[in-house]
Amino acid sequence: MFELYHRYISTYLNVQERDPKAHKFLGLLYEAEGNIDKAVGCYKRSVELNPTQKDLVLKIAELLCENDATDGRAKYWVEKASKLFPGNPTIYRLKEQLLDCKGEDGWNQLFDLIQSELYARPDDVYVNIRLVELYRSNKRLKDAVAHCCEAERNLALRTSLEWYSCVVRTLKEYLESLQCLEANKSNWRATNKDLLLAYANLMLLTLSTRDVQESRELLERYDNYK
């Protein structure tokens, strides 16, 4: 069937080469077949012929990042899409993908990107979790815990199972790093209290959203930890 569609659209483009819809349709065919390079080429031609297709600009950026975020074209199209969709969460994730490819060299840029997103969207669960995970990956556990505690003031996060799962993991890791340090007894007690509260919130959210087995297992871990 794809071969038949290709034949029809190619014949049509031989006559109407400047039809942006035809190039877009051909791109959809290539994308469905998994030929990303040819799909992107068709979408780019469609955008050249009709620059008002903002969604197609975003699609090109997404395809390039998914295919190979180190491709120099990906950065160009992500920047182009970011001007058309300021503050769009999808654009943020694409920028994050580009910086992740840089490894340690991109850490500061990634940190600045996450901070700017938090300023614009403080209620976004994913971005809050991403900042905590970034701190943890860089062994900055104290900063990770500080953000967990600060974010507790945000009412929007208190209904997120994913957020409290992140908080529990982070506080447990931090407590393990303190156990052998005698001078941190008071800090250990305060963090342990925060962990118990996070466990309690996680348990309540699990009871309301997950199955009985998962809730029972979490309740057992919570009871054993106390």
N, C-alpha and C. Protein backbone atom coordinates (compact mmCIF):
# COMPACT_ATOMS: atom_id res chain seq x y z
N MET A 1 0.83 -1.21 0.00
CA MET A 1 0.00 0.00 0.00
C MET A 1 0.87 1.26 0.00
N PHE A 2 1.97 1.25 0.77
CA PHE A 2 2.85 2.42 0.80
C PHE A 2 3.43 2.69 -0.59
N GLU A 3 3.76 1.61 -1.28
CA GLU A 3 4.32 1.77 -2.62
C GLU A 3 3.34 2.47 -3.55
N LEU A 4 2.07 2.10 -3.42
CA LEU A 4 1.03 2.73 -4.25
C LEU A 4 0.89 4.21 -3.92
N TYR A 5 0.88 4.54 -2.61
CA TYR A 5 0.80 5.94 -2.19
C TYR A 5 1.99 6.74 -2.72
N HIS A 6 3.17 6.13 -2.63
CA HIS A 6 4.38 6.81 -3.12
C HIS A 6 4.25 7.13 -4.61
N ARG A 7 3.74 6.18 -5.35
CA ARG A 7 3.60 6.36 -6.81
C ARG A 7 2.64 7.51 -7.12
N TYR A 8 1.52 7.53 -6.40
CA TYR A 8 0.52 8.57 -6.65
C TYR A 8 1.07 9.96 -6.30
N ILE A 9 1.67 10.06 -5.11
CA ILE A 9 2.12 11.38 -4.66
C ILE A 9 3.30 11.87 -5.49
N SER A 10 4.17 10.94 -5.92
CA SER A 10 5.31 11.33 -6.77
C SER A 10 4.83 11.82 -8.13
N THR A 11 3.84 11.14 -8.67
CA THR A 11 3.26 11.58 -9.95
C THR A 11 2.65 12.96 -9.82
N TYR A 12 1.95 13.17 -8.69
CA TYR A 12 1.32 14.48 -8.46
C TYR A 12 2.37 15.57 -8.32
N LEU A 13 3.47 15.28 -7.60
CA LEU A 13 4.50 16.29 -7.38
C LEU A 13 5.27 16.62 -8.66
N ASN A 14 5.27 15.71 -9.60
CA ASN A 14 5.90 16.02 -10.89
C ASN A 14 5.16 17.15 -11.60
N VAL A 15 3.87 17.28 -11.27
CA VAL A 15 3.04 18.32 -11.88
C VAL A 15 2.92 19.54 -10.97
N GLN A 16 2.73 19.27 -9.66
CA GLN A 16 2.52 20.34 -8.67
C GLN A 16 3.65 20.31 -7.63
N GLU A 17 4.85 20.64 -8.08
CA GLU A 17 6.03 20.50 -7.23
C GLU A 17 6.00 21.45 -6.02
N ARG A 18 5.24 22.53 -6.11
CA ARG A 18 5.24 23.53 -5.04
C ARG A 18 4.02 23.41 -4.12
N ASP A 19 3.45 22.25 -4.02
CA ASP A 19 2.31 22.02 -3.12
C ASP A 19 2.82 21.55 -1.76
N PRO A 20 2.76 22.41 -0.74
CA PRO A 20 3.30 22.03 0.57
C PRO A 20 2.58 20.84 1.19
N LYS A 21 1.29 20.71 0.94
CA LYS A 21 0.53 19.60 1.51
C LYS A 21 1.01 18.26 0.95
N ALA A 22 1.37 18.25 -0.33
CA ALA A 22 1.85 17.02 -0.95
C ALA A 22 3.19 16.60 -0.36
N HIS A 23 4.08 17.57 -0.14
CA HIS A 23 5.38 17.26 0.46
C HIS A 23 5.20 16.77 1.91
N LYS A 24 4.26 17.36 2.60
CA LYS A 24 3.98 16.93 3.97
C LYS A 24 3.44 15.50 3.98
N PHE A 25 2.54 15.20 3.06
CA PHE A 25 1.98 13.85 2.98
C PHE A 25 3.06 12.83 2.66
N LEU A 26 3.97 13.19 1.76
CA LEU A 26 5.06 12.29 1.41
C LEU A 26 5.96 12.08 2.64
N GLY A 27 6.16 13.14 3.43
CA GLY A 27 6.93 13.02 4.66
C GLY A 27 6.28 12.06 5.64
N LEU A 28 4.96 12.12 5.74
CA LEU A 28 4.22 11.21 6.62
C LEU A 28 4.43 9.76 6.20
N LEU A 29 4.46 9.52 4.87
CA LEU A 29 4.70 8.17 4.37
C LEU A 29 6.08 7.67 4.77
N TYR A 30 7.09 8.52 4.56
CA TYR A 30 8.46 8.13 4.93
C TYR A 30 8.59 7.91 6.44
N GLU A 31 7.93 8.78 7.21
CA GLU A 31 7.99 8.63 8.67
C GLU A 31 7.37 7.31 9.10
N ALA A 32 6.24 6.95 8.49
CA ALA A 32 5.56 5.69 8.82
C ALA A 32 6.44 4.49 8.47
N GLU A 33 7.29 4.65 7.47
CA GLU A 33 8.19 3.58 7.06
C GLU A 33 9.48 3.56 7.88
N GLY A 34 9.66 4.59 8.73
CA GLY A 34 10.86 4.66 9.56
C GLY A 34 12.04 5.32 8.88
N ASN A 35 11.82 5.93 7.74
CA ASN A 35 12.89 6.63 7.03
C ASN A 35 12.88 8.10 7.46
N ILE A 36 13.53 8.36 8.58
CA ILE A 36 13.47 9.69 9.20
C ILE A 36 14.14 10.76 8.35
N ASP A 37 15.29 10.44 7.76
CA ASP A 37 16.00 11.45 6.96
C ASP A 37 15.14 11.95 5.79
N LYS A 38 14.51 11.02 5.10
CA LYS A 38 13.68 11.43 3.97
C LYS A 38 12.42 12.15 4.44
N ALA A 39 11.88 11.70 5.59
CA ALA A 39 10.70 12.37 6.15
C ALA A 39 11.03 13.82 6.50
N VAL A 40 12.16 14.02 7.15
CA VAL A 40 12.57 15.38 7.53
C VAL A 40 12.78 16.23 6.28
N GLY A 41 13.38 15.65 5.24
CA GLY A 41 13.59 16.40 4.00
C GLY A 41 12.28 16.88 3.39
N CYS A 42 11.27 16.00 3.42
CA CYS A 42 9.95 16.38 2.87
C CYS A 42 9.28 17.45 3.73
N TYR A 43 9.38 17.29 5.05
CA TYR A 43 8.77 18.28 5.94
C TYR A 43 9.45 19.65 5.79
N LYS A 44 10.77 19.64 5.65
CA LYS A 44 11.49 20.90 5.47
C LYS A 44 11.04 21.60 4.19
N ARG A 45 10.89 20.82 3.13
CA ARG A 45 10.44 21.40 1.86
C ARG A 45 9.04 21.98 2.01
N SER A 46 8.19 21.28 2.76
CA SER A 46 6.82 21.76 2.98
C SER A 46 6.82 23.08 3.75
N VAL A 47 7.69 23.18 4.75
CA VAL A 47 7.80 24.42 5.54
C VAL A 47 8.35 25.55 4.69
N GLU A 48 9.30 25.24 3.81
CA GLU A 48 9.85 26.27 2.92
C GLU A 48 8.75 26.86 2.04
N LEU A 49 7.85 25.99 1.59
CA LEU A 49 6.77 26.43 0.71
C LEU A 49 5.64 27.11 1.48
N ASN A 50 5.48 26.72 2.77
CA ASN A 50 4.43 27.33 3.60
C ASN A 50 4.98 27.51 5.03
N PRO A 51 5.66 28.62 5.29
CA PRO A 51 6.32 28.84 6.59
C PRO A 51 5.36 28.97 7.78
N THR A 52 4.07 29.04 7.54
CA THR A 52 3.12 29.19 8.66
C THR A 52 2.87 27.88 9.40
N GLN A 53 3.44 26.78 8.97
CA GLN A 53 3.20 25.47 9.58
C GLN A 53 4.06 25.29 10.84
N LYS A 54 3.66 25.93 11.91
CA LYS A 54 4.44 25.89 13.14
C LYS A 54 4.56 24.48 13.70
N ASP A 55 3.46 23.73 13.65
CA ASP A 55 3.49 22.37 14.19
C ASP A 55 4.48 21.48 13.44
N LEU A 56 4.65 21.74 12.16
CA LEU A 56 5.58 20.95 11.37
C LEU A 56 7.03 21.27 11.73
N VAL A 57 7.28 22.52 12.09
CA VAL A 57 8.62 22.90 12.57
C VAL A 57 8.95 22.11 13.84
N LEU A 58 7.98 22.03 14.74
CA LEU A 58 8.19 21.28 15.98
C LEU A 58 8.40 19.80 15.69
N LYS A 59 7.64 19.26 14.74
CA LYS A 59 7.79 17.84 14.39
C LYS A 59 9.19 17.55 13.86
N ILE A 60 9.71 18.44 13.02
CA ILE A 60 11.07 18.27 12.50
C ILE A 60 12.08 18.24 13.64
N ALA A 61 11.92 19.17 14.59
CA ALA A 61 12.83 19.21 15.74
C ALA A 61 12.75 17.92 16.55
N GLU A 62 11.54 17.42 16.77
CA GLU A 62 11.36 16.19 17.54
C GLU A 62 11.98 14.99 16.83
N LEU A 63 11.74 14.88 15.54
CA LEU A 63 12.28 13.75 14.79
C LEU A 63 13.81 13.74 14.79
N LEU A 64 14.40 14.92 14.61
CA LEU A 64 15.86 15.00 14.59
C LEU A 64 16.46 14.65 15.95
N CYS A 65 15.83 15.11 17.02
CA CYS A 65 16.33 14.80 18.36
C CYS A 65 16.19 13.32 18.69
N GLU A 66 15.07 12.74 18.29
CA GLU A 66 14.84 11.31 18.54
C GLU A 66 15.80 10.45 17.72
N ASN A 67 16.08 10.88 16.51
CA ASN A 67 16.94 10.10 15.62
C ASN A 67 18.40 10.20 16.02
N ASP A 68 18.87 11.41 16.31
CA ASP A 68 20.26 11.63 16.71
C ASP A 68 20.40 13.06 17.23
N ALA A 69 20.38 13.18 18.56
CA ALA A 69 20.43 14.52 19.17
C ALA A 69 21.76 15.22 18.93
N THR A 70 22.79 14.46 18.50
CA THR A 70 24.09 15.09 18.22
C THR A 70 24.14 15.67 16.82
N ASP A 71 23.12 15.40 16.03
CA ASP A 71 23.02 15.95 14.67
C ASP A 71 22.92 17.47 14.77
N GLY A 72 23.82 18.17 14.09
CA GLY A 72 23.83 19.63 14.16
C GLY A 72 22.52 20.28 13.74
N ARG A 73 21.78 19.60 12.89
CA ARG A 73 20.49 20.14 12.44
C ARG A 73 19.48 20.20 13.58
N ALA A 74 19.61 19.28 14.54
CA ALA A 74 18.65 19.21 15.64
C ALA A 74 18.63 20.52 16.43
N LYS A 75 19.80 21.05 16.75
CA LYS A 75 19.87 22.29 17.52
C LYS A 75 19.22 23.44 16.76
N TYR A 76 19.48 23.51 15.47
CA TYR A 76 18.91 24.59 14.66
C TYR A 76 17.38 24.55 14.70
N TRP A 77 16.80 23.35 14.51
CA TRP A 77 15.34 23.25 14.45
C TRP A 77 14.69 23.39 15.82
N VAL A 78 15.40 22.97 16.87
CA VAL A 78 14.87 23.18 18.22
C VAL A 78 14.81 24.67 18.53
N GLU A 79 15.85 25.40 18.17
CA GLU A 79 15.85 26.85 18.39
C GLU A 79 14.77 27.53 17.57
N LYS A 80 14.59 27.06 16.36
CA LYS A 80 13.56 27.62 15.49
C LYS A 80 12.17 27.37 16.09
N ALA A 81 11.96 26.16 16.61
CA ALA A 81 10.67 25.82 17.23
C ALA A 81 10.46 26.60 18.53
N SER A 82 11.54 26.84 19.29
CA SER A 82 11.40 27.55 20.57
C SER A 82 10.92 28.99 20.38
N LYS A 83 11.26 29.58 19.23
CA LYS A 83 10.79 30.94 18.95
C LYS A 83 9.31 30.95 18.61
N LEU A 84 8.84 29.83 18.06
CA LEU A 84 7.42 29.73 17.69
C LEU A 84 6.54 29.29 18.86
N PHE A 85 7.15 28.54 19.81
CA PHE A 85 6.40 28.01 20.95
C PHE A 85 7.11 28.36 22.26
N PRO A 86 7.19 29.63 22.63
CA PRO A 86 7.87 30.01 23.88
C PRO A 86 7.17 29.40 25.09
N GLY A 87 7.98 28.80 25.98
CA GLY A 87 7.42 28.22 27.20
C GLY A 87 6.79 26.86 27.02
N ASN A 88 6.91 26.27 25.84
CA ASN A 88 6.30 24.96 25.58
C ASN A 88 7.11 23.86 26.26
N PRO A 89 6.46 23.00 27.05
CA PRO A 89 7.18 21.92 27.75
C PRO A 89 7.91 20.97 26.81
N THR A 90 7.36 20.74 25.62
CA THR A 90 8.02 19.86 24.66
C THR A 90 9.35 20.44 24.21
N ILE A 91 9.38 21.76 23.99
CA ILE A 91 10.63 22.42 23.61
C ILE A 91 11.67 22.25 24.70
N TYR A 92 11.24 22.40 25.95
CA TYR A 92 12.17 22.23 27.07
C TYR A 92 12.80 20.84 27.04
N ARG A 93 11.98 19.82 26.82
CA ARG A 93 12.51 18.45 26.82
C ARG A 93 13.47 18.21 25.66
N LEU A 94 13.19 18.84 24.54
CA LEU A 94 14.11 18.71 23.41
C LEU A 94 15.45 19.38 23.73
N LYS A 95 15.40 20.55 24.34
CA LYS A 95 16.64 21.23 24.72
C LYS A 95 17.41 20.39 25.74
N GLU A 96 16.67 19.74 26.61
CA GLU A 96 17.29 18.87 27.61
C GLU A 96 18.01 17.71 26.93
N GLN A 97 17.38 17.14 25.92
CA GLN A 97 17.99 16.05 25.17
C GLN A 97 19.31 16.50 24.53
N LEU A 98 19.31 17.69 23.96
CA LEU A 98 20.52 18.20 23.32
C LEU A 98 21.65 18.37 24.33
N LEU A 99 21.32 18.87 25.52
CA LEU A 99 22.35 19.10 26.53
C LEU A 99 22.80 17.79 27.18
N ASP A 100 21.92 16.83 27.29
CA ASP A 100 22.29 15.53 27.85
C ASP A 100 23.40 14.88 27.03
N CYS A 101 23.39 15.12 25.74
CA CYS A 101 24.39 14.53 24.85
C CYS A 101 25.79 15.08 25.12
N LYS A 102 25.86 16.21 25.77
CA LYS A 102 27.17 16.82 26.04
C LYS A 102 27.84 16.25 27.27
N GLY A 103 27.12 15.44 28.04
CA GLY A 103 27.69 14.85 29.25
C GLY A 103 28.02 15.91 30.29
N GLU A 104 29.18 15.77 30.91
CA GLU A 104 29.58 16.71 31.97
C GLU A 104 29.72 18.13 31.45
N ASP A 105 30.10 18.27 30.19
CA ASP A 105 30.29 19.61 29.62
C ASP A 105 28.99 20.40 29.58
N GLY A 106 27.85 19.69 29.53
CA GLY A 106 26.58 20.38 29.44
C GLY A 106 25.87 20.55 30.77
N TRP A 107 26.55 20.15 31.89
CA TRP A 107 25.88 20.16 33.19
C TRP A 107 25.42 21.56 33.57
N ASN A 108 26.29 22.54 33.49
CA ASN A 108 25.91 23.91 33.90
C ASN A 108 24.82 24.48 33.01
N GLN A 109 24.88 24.19 31.72
CA GLN A 109 23.84 24.68 30.82
C GLN A 109 22.50 24.00 31.12
N LEU A 110 22.56 22.71 31.44
CA LEU A 110 21.35 21.98 31.77
C LEU A 110 20.76 22.50 33.07
N PHE A 111 21.62 22.79 34.04
CA PHE A 111 21.17 23.35 35.31
C PHE A 111 20.47 24.69 35.08
N ASP A 112 21.08 25.55 34.28
CA ASP A 112 20.48 26.86 33.99
C ASP A 112 19.13 26.70 33.27
N LEU A 113 19.07 25.73 32.36
CA LEU A 113 17.82 25.49 31.63
C LEU A 113 16.71 25.06 32.58
N ILE A 114 17.03 24.12 33.48
CA ILE A 114 16.03 23.63 34.44
C ILE A 114 15.58 24.75 35.37
N GLN A 115 16.51 25.55 35.83
CA GLN A 115 16.17 26.67 36.72
C GLN A 115 15.24 27.66 36.02
N SER A 116 15.50 27.94 34.76
CA SER A 116 14.65 28.88 34.03
C SER A 116 13.25 28.29 33.83
N GLU A 117 13.17 26.98 33.62
CA GLU A 117 11.87 26.33 33.46
C GLU A 117 11.11 26.32 34.78
N LEU A 118 11.81 26.12 35.88
CA LEU A 118 11.16 26.14 37.19
C LEU A 118 10.61 27.52 37.51
N TYR A 119 11.34 28.54 37.09
CA TYR A 119 10.87 29.90 37.31
C TYR A 119 9.57 30.15 36.54
N ALA A 120 9.51 29.59 35.31
CA ALA A 120 8.32 29.78 34.47
C ALA A 120 7.19 28.85 34.87
N ARG A 121 7.55 27.61 35.30
CA ARG A 121 6.53 26.61 35.61
C ARG A 121 6.88 25.89 36.92
N PRO A 122 6.74 26.58 38.06
CA PRO A 122 7.13 25.98 39.34
C PRO A 122 6.30 24.76 39.74
N ASP A 123 5.10 24.61 39.15
CA ASP A 123 4.23 23.48 39.50
C ASP A 123 4.51 22.24 38.67
N ASP A 124 5.44 22.31 37.73
CA ASP A 124 5.71 21.18 36.85
C ASP A 124 6.45 20.08 37.61
N VAL A 125 5.81 18.94 37.75
CA VAL A 125 6.39 17.83 38.52
C VAL A 125 7.67 17.33 37.86
N TYR A 126 7.63 17.15 36.55
CA TYR A 126 8.78 16.61 35.84
C TYR A 126 10.02 17.48 36.04
N VAL A 127 9.87 18.79 35.92
CA VAL A 127 11.03 19.69 36.02
C VAL A 127 11.59 19.67 37.44
N ASN A 128 10.73 19.63 38.44
CA ASN A 128 11.20 19.54 39.82
C ASN A 128 11.99 18.25 40.06
N ILE A 129 11.45 17.16 39.55
CA ILE A 129 12.15 15.88 39.70
C ILE A 129 13.48 15.90 38.95
N ARG A 130 13.47 16.51 37.79
CA ARG A 130 14.69 16.57 36.96
C ARG A 130 15.80 17.32 37.67
N LEU A 131 15.45 18.40 38.39
CA LEU A 131 16.47 19.14 39.12
C LEU A 131 17.05 18.29 40.24
N VAL A 132 16.19 17.60 40.97
CA VAL A 132 16.67 16.73 42.05
C VAL A 132 17.59 15.64 41.49
N GLU A 133 17.20 15.04 40.39
CA GLU A 133 18.01 13.97 39.79
C GLU A 133 19.34 14.51 39.27
N LEU A 134 19.33 15.74 38.78
CA LEU A 134 20.57 16.35 38.30
C LEU A 134 21.53 16.56 39.46
N TYR A 135 21.03 17.05 40.59
CA TYR A 135 21.86 17.20 41.77
C TYR A 135 22.43 15.86 42.21
N ARG A 136 21.57 14.83 42.23
CA ARG A 136 22.01 13.51 42.68
C ARG A 136 23.08 12.94 41.76
N SER A 137 22.91 13.13 40.47
CA SER A 137 23.88 12.59 39.51
C SER A 137 25.24 13.25 39.67
N ASN A 138 25.25 14.46 40.23
CA ASN A 138 26.51 15.19 40.44
C ASN A 138 26.99 15.09 41.88
N LYS A 139 26.39 14.15 42.65
CA LYS A 139 26.76 13.91 44.06
C LYS A 139 26.50 15.12 44.95
N ARG A 140 25.57 15.96 44.55
CA ARG A 140 25.23 17.13 45.37
C ARG A 140 23.94 16.82 46.15
N LEU A 141 24.05 15.83 47.05
CA LEU A 141 22.87 15.35 47.77
C LEU A 141 22.27 16.41 48.68
N LYS A 142 23.12 17.21 49.28
CA LYS A 142 22.61 18.25 50.17
C LYS A 142 21.73 19.24 49.40
N ASP A 143 22.15 19.60 48.20
CA ASP A 143 21.33 20.50 47.37
C ASP A 143 20.04 19.81 46.92
N ALA A 144 20.13 18.52 46.64
CA ALA A 144 18.94 17.76 46.24
C ALA A 144 17.91 17.75 47.36
N VAL A 145 18.39 17.50 48.59
CA VAL A 145 17.49 17.48 49.75
C VAL A 145 16.91 18.87 50.00
N ALA A 146 17.74 19.89 49.85
CA ALA A 146 17.27 21.27 50.07
C ALA A 146 16.13 21.60 49.10
N HIS A 147 16.25 21.16 47.85
CA HIS A 147 15.17 21.44 46.90
C HIS A 147 13.92 20.64 47.25
N CYS A 148 14.09 19.41 47.69
CA CYS A 148 12.93 18.61 48.11
C CYS A 148 12.16 19.31 49.22
N CYS A 149 12.89 19.83 50.20
CA CYS A 149 12.25 20.51 51.34
C CYS A 149 11.59 21.82 50.90
N GLU A 150 12.29 22.55 50.05
CA GLU A 150 11.74 23.83 49.59
C GLU A 150 10.48 23.61 48.74
N ALA A 151 10.51 22.58 47.91
CA ALA A 151 9.38 22.31 47.01
C ALA A 151 8.15 21.81 47.77
N GLU A 152 8.32 21.40 49.02
CA GLU A 152 7.19 20.93 49.81
C GLU A 152 6.15 22.04 50.02
N ARG A 153 6.57 23.28 49.87
CA ARG A 153 5.63 24.41 50.01
C ARG A 153 4.69 24.49 48.81
N ASN A 154 5.05 23.82 47.74
CA ASN A 154 4.25 23.87 46.51
C ASN A 154 3.11 22.86 46.60
N LEU A 155 1.90 23.36 46.74
CA LEU A 155 0.75 22.48 46.93
C LEU A 155 0.52 21.56 45.73
N ALA A 156 0.89 22.01 44.54
CA ALA A 156 0.66 21.21 43.34
C ALA A 156 1.43 19.90 43.37
N LEU A 157 2.60 19.90 44.02
CA LEU A 157 3.42 18.69 44.06
C LEU A 157 2.91 17.67 45.07
N ARG A 158 2.10 18.10 45.99
CA ARG A 158 1.65 17.21 47.06
C ARG A 158 0.66 16.15 46.60
N THR A 159 0.21 16.26 45.37
CA THR A 159 -0.71 15.24 44.84
C THR A 159 -0.01 14.33 43.84
N SER A 160 1.31 14.43 43.76
CA SER A 160 2.05 13.66 42.76
C SER A 160 2.75 12.45 43.38
N LEU A 161 2.38 11.28 42.93
CA LEU A 161 3.03 10.05 43.37
C LEU A 161 4.49 10.03 42.92
N GLU A 162 4.74 10.49 41.71
CA GLU A 162 6.10 10.50 41.17
C GLU A 162 7.01 11.41 41.98
N TRP A 163 6.47 12.55 42.41
CA TRP A 163 7.28 13.48 43.20
C TRP A 163 7.69 12.86 44.53
N TYR A 164 6.74 12.26 45.24
CA TYR A 164 7.08 11.69 46.54
C TYR A 164 7.96 10.45 46.41
N SER A 165 7.86 9.74 45.31
CA SER A 165 8.78 8.63 45.08
C SER A 165 10.21 9.16 44.95
N CYS A 166 10.34 10.29 44.25
CA CYS A 166 11.65 10.94 44.10
C CYS A 166 12.17 11.43 45.44
N VAL A 167 11.30 12.04 46.23
CA VAL A 167 11.71 12.57 47.53
C VAL A 167 12.19 11.45 48.44
N VAL A 168 11.44 10.35 48.48
CA VAL A 168 11.83 9.22 49.33
C VAL A 168 13.20 8.67 48.92
N ARG A 169 13.41 8.49 47.63
CA ARG A 169 14.71 7.98 47.16
C ARG A 169 15.84 8.92 47.55
N THR A 170 15.60 10.20 47.40
CA THR A 170 16.64 11.19 47.67
C THR A 170 16.98 11.26 49.16
N LEU A 171 15.96 11.31 50.01
CA LEU A 171 16.21 11.41 51.44
C LEU A 171 16.87 10.14 51.99
N LYS A 172 16.49 8.99 51.47
CA LYS A 172 17.13 7.73 51.90
C LYS A 172 18.61 7.73 51.53
N GLU A 173 18.91 8.16 50.33
CA GLU A 173 20.31 8.21 49.89
C GLU A 173 21.11 9.18 50.73
N TYR A 174 20.51 10.32 51.05
CA TYR A 174 21.20 11.32 51.87
C TYR A 174 21.45 10.80 53.28
N LEU A 175 20.46 10.13 53.86
CA LEU A 175 20.61 9.58 55.20
C LEU A 175 21.72 8.54 55.25
N GLU A 176 21.82 7.73 54.23
CA GLU A 176 22.88 6.72 54.18
C GLU A 176 24.26 7.37 54.16
N SER A 177 24.35 8.54 53.55
CA SER A 177 25.64 9.24 53.50
C SER A 177 25.99 9.88 54.83
N LEU A 178 24.99 10.05 55.71
CA LEU A 178 25.23 10.70 57.01
C LEU A 178 25.48 9.72 58.14
N GLN A 179 25.17 8.48 57.96
CA GLN A 179 25.18 7.52 59.06
C GLN A 179 26.53 7.39 59.74
N CYS A 180 27.60 7.52 58.99
CA CYS A 180 28.92 7.34 59.57
C CYS A 180 29.52 8.63 60.10
N LEU A 181 28.77 9.71 60.05
CA LEU A 181 29.31 11.01 60.50
C LEU A 181 28.67 11.42 61.83
N GLU A 182 29.42 11.35 62.88
CA GLU A 182 28.90 11.62 64.22
C GLU A 182 28.37 13.04 64.34
N ALA A 183 29.02 13.99 63.67
CA ALA A 183 28.65 15.40 63.81
C ALA A 183 27.30 15.72 63.18
N ASN A 184 26.76 14.79 62.43
CA ASN A 184 25.52 15.06 61.71
C ASN A 184 24.29 14.45 62.38
N LYS A 185 24.39 14.16 63.67
CA LYS A 185 23.27 13.51 64.35
C LYS A 185 21.98 14.33 64.28
N SER A 186 22.09 15.63 64.56
CA SER A 186 20.89 16.47 64.54
C SER A 186 20.32 16.58 63.13
N ASN A 187 21.21 16.69 62.16
CA ASN A 187 20.79 16.75 60.77
C ASN A 187 20.13 15.44 60.36
N TRP A 188 20.70 14.32 60.85
CA TRP A 188 20.14 13.00 60.53
C TRP A 188 18.72 12.88 61.07
N ARG A 189 18.51 13.34 62.32
CA ARG A 189 17.18 13.24 62.92
C ARG A 189 16.16 14.07 62.15
N ALA A 190 16.54 15.29 61.76
CA ALA A 190 15.62 16.16 61.02
C ALA A 190 15.28 15.56 59.65
N THR A 191 16.30 15.03 58.98
CA THR A 191 16.07 14.44 57.66
C THR A 191 15.25 13.16 57.78
N ASN A 192 15.50 12.39 58.84
CA ASN A 192 14.74 11.16 59.06
C ASN A 192 13.25 11.47 59.27
N LYS A 193 12.97 12.57 59.97
CA LYS A 193 11.58 12.99 60.17
C LYS A 193 10.95 13.35 58.82
N ASP A 194 11.70 14.08 57.99
CA ASP A 194 11.19 14.44 56.66
C ASP A 194 10.93 13.20 55.82
N LEU A 195 11.81 12.20 55.96
CA LEU A 195 11.63 10.97 55.20
C LEU A 195 10.36 10.23 55.62
N LEU A 196 10.11 10.17 56.91
CA LEU A 196 8.90 9.50 57.40
C LEU A 196 7.64 10.20 56.89
N LEU A 197 7.68 11.53 56.87
CA LEU A 197 6.53 12.27 56.35
C LEU A 197 6.34 12.02 54.85
N ALA A 198 7.46 11.98 54.11
CA ALA A 198 7.39 11.71 52.68
C ALA A 198 6.86 10.30 52.42
N TYR A 199 7.32 9.35 53.25
CA TYR A 199 6.82 7.97 53.13
C TYR A 199 5.31 7.93 53.37
N ALA A 200 4.86 8.67 54.38
CA ALA A 200 3.43 8.68 54.71
C ALA A 200 2.62 9.24 53.54
N ASN A 201 3.09 10.34 52.96
CA ASN A 201 2.39 10.93 51.81
C ASN A 201 2.41 9.99 50.60
N LEU A 202 3.56 9.34 50.39
CA LEU A 202 3.66 8.39 49.29
C LEU A 202 2.70 7.23 49.49
N MET A 203 2.60 6.77 50.71
CA MET A 203 1.71 5.66 51.01
C MET A 203 0.25 6.04 50.76
N LEU A 204 -0.14 7.23 51.20
CA LEU A 204 -1.53 7.66 51.00
C LEU A 204 -1.87 7.80 49.52
N LEU A 205 -0.93 8.35 48.75
CA LEU A 205 -1.16 8.50 47.31
C LEU A 205 -1.21 7.14 46.62
N THR A 206 -0.37 6.23 47.09
CA THR A 206 -0.37 4.88 46.52
C THR A 206 -1.69 4.17 46.81
N LEU A 207 -2.17 4.32 48.02
CA LEU A 207 -3.45 3.69 48.40
C LEU A 207 -4.60 4.20 47.54
N SER A 208 -4.52 5.45 47.13
CA SER A 208 -5.63 6.04 46.37
C SER A 208 -5.51 5.84 44.87
N THR A 209 -4.32 5.45 44.39
CA THR A 209 -4.14 5.37 42.93
C THR A 209 -3.63 4.03 42.42
N ARG A 210 -3.09 3.19 43.28
CA ARG A 210 -2.51 1.94 42.81
C ARG A 210 -3.27 0.74 43.35
N ASP A 211 -2.85 -0.46 42.91
CA ASP A 211 -3.57 -1.66 43.34
C ASP A 211 -3.20 -2.05 44.77
N VAL A 212 -3.94 -3.00 45.32
CA VAL A 212 -3.80 -3.39 46.72
C VAL A 212 -2.42 -3.96 47.01
N GLN A 213 -1.89 -4.78 46.09
CA GLN A 213 -0.60 -5.42 46.31
C GLN A 213 0.51 -4.40 46.46
N GLU A 214 0.55 -3.42 45.56
CA GLU A 214 1.59 -2.39 45.62
C GLU A 214 1.45 -1.56 46.89
N SER A 215 0.21 -1.27 47.28
CA SER A 215 -0.03 -0.49 48.49
C SER A 215 0.43 -1.27 49.73
N ARG A 216 0.18 -2.58 49.72
CA ARG A 216 0.57 -3.41 50.87
C ARG A 216 2.09 -3.45 51.02
N GLU A 217 2.79 -3.60 49.89
CA GLU A 217 4.25 -3.65 49.92
C GLU A 217 4.85 -2.34 50.43
N LEU A 218 4.28 -1.23 49.99
CA LEU A 218 4.77 0.07 50.45
C LEU A 218 4.49 0.25 51.93
N LEU A 219 3.32 -0.19 52.39
CA LEU A 219 2.98 -0.09 53.80
C LEU A 219 3.95 -0.90 54.66
N GLU A 220 4.36 -2.07 54.17
CA GLU A 220 5.32 -2.89 54.90
C GLU A 220 6.69 -2.20 54.99
N ARG A 221 7.12 -1.57 53.87
CA ARG A 221 8.41 -0.87 53.89
C ARG A 221 8.35 0.32 54.84
N TYR A 222 7.23 1.02 54.83
CA TYR A 222 7.06 2.16 55.72
C TYR A 222 7.09 1.71 57.18
N ASP A 223 6.40 0.62 57.48
CA ASP A 223 6.32 0.12 58.85
C ASP A 223 7.70 -0.36 59.32
N ASN A 224 8.45 -1.03 58.43
CA ASN A 224 9.77 -1.52 58.79
C ASN A 224 10.75 -0.36 59.00
N TYR A 225 10.57 0.69 58.21
CA TYR A 225 11.49 1.83 58.32
C TYR A 225 11.30 2.56 59.64
N LYS A 226 10.04 2.63 60.12
CA LYS A 226 9.79 3.30 61.38
C LYS A 226 10.50 2.58 62.51
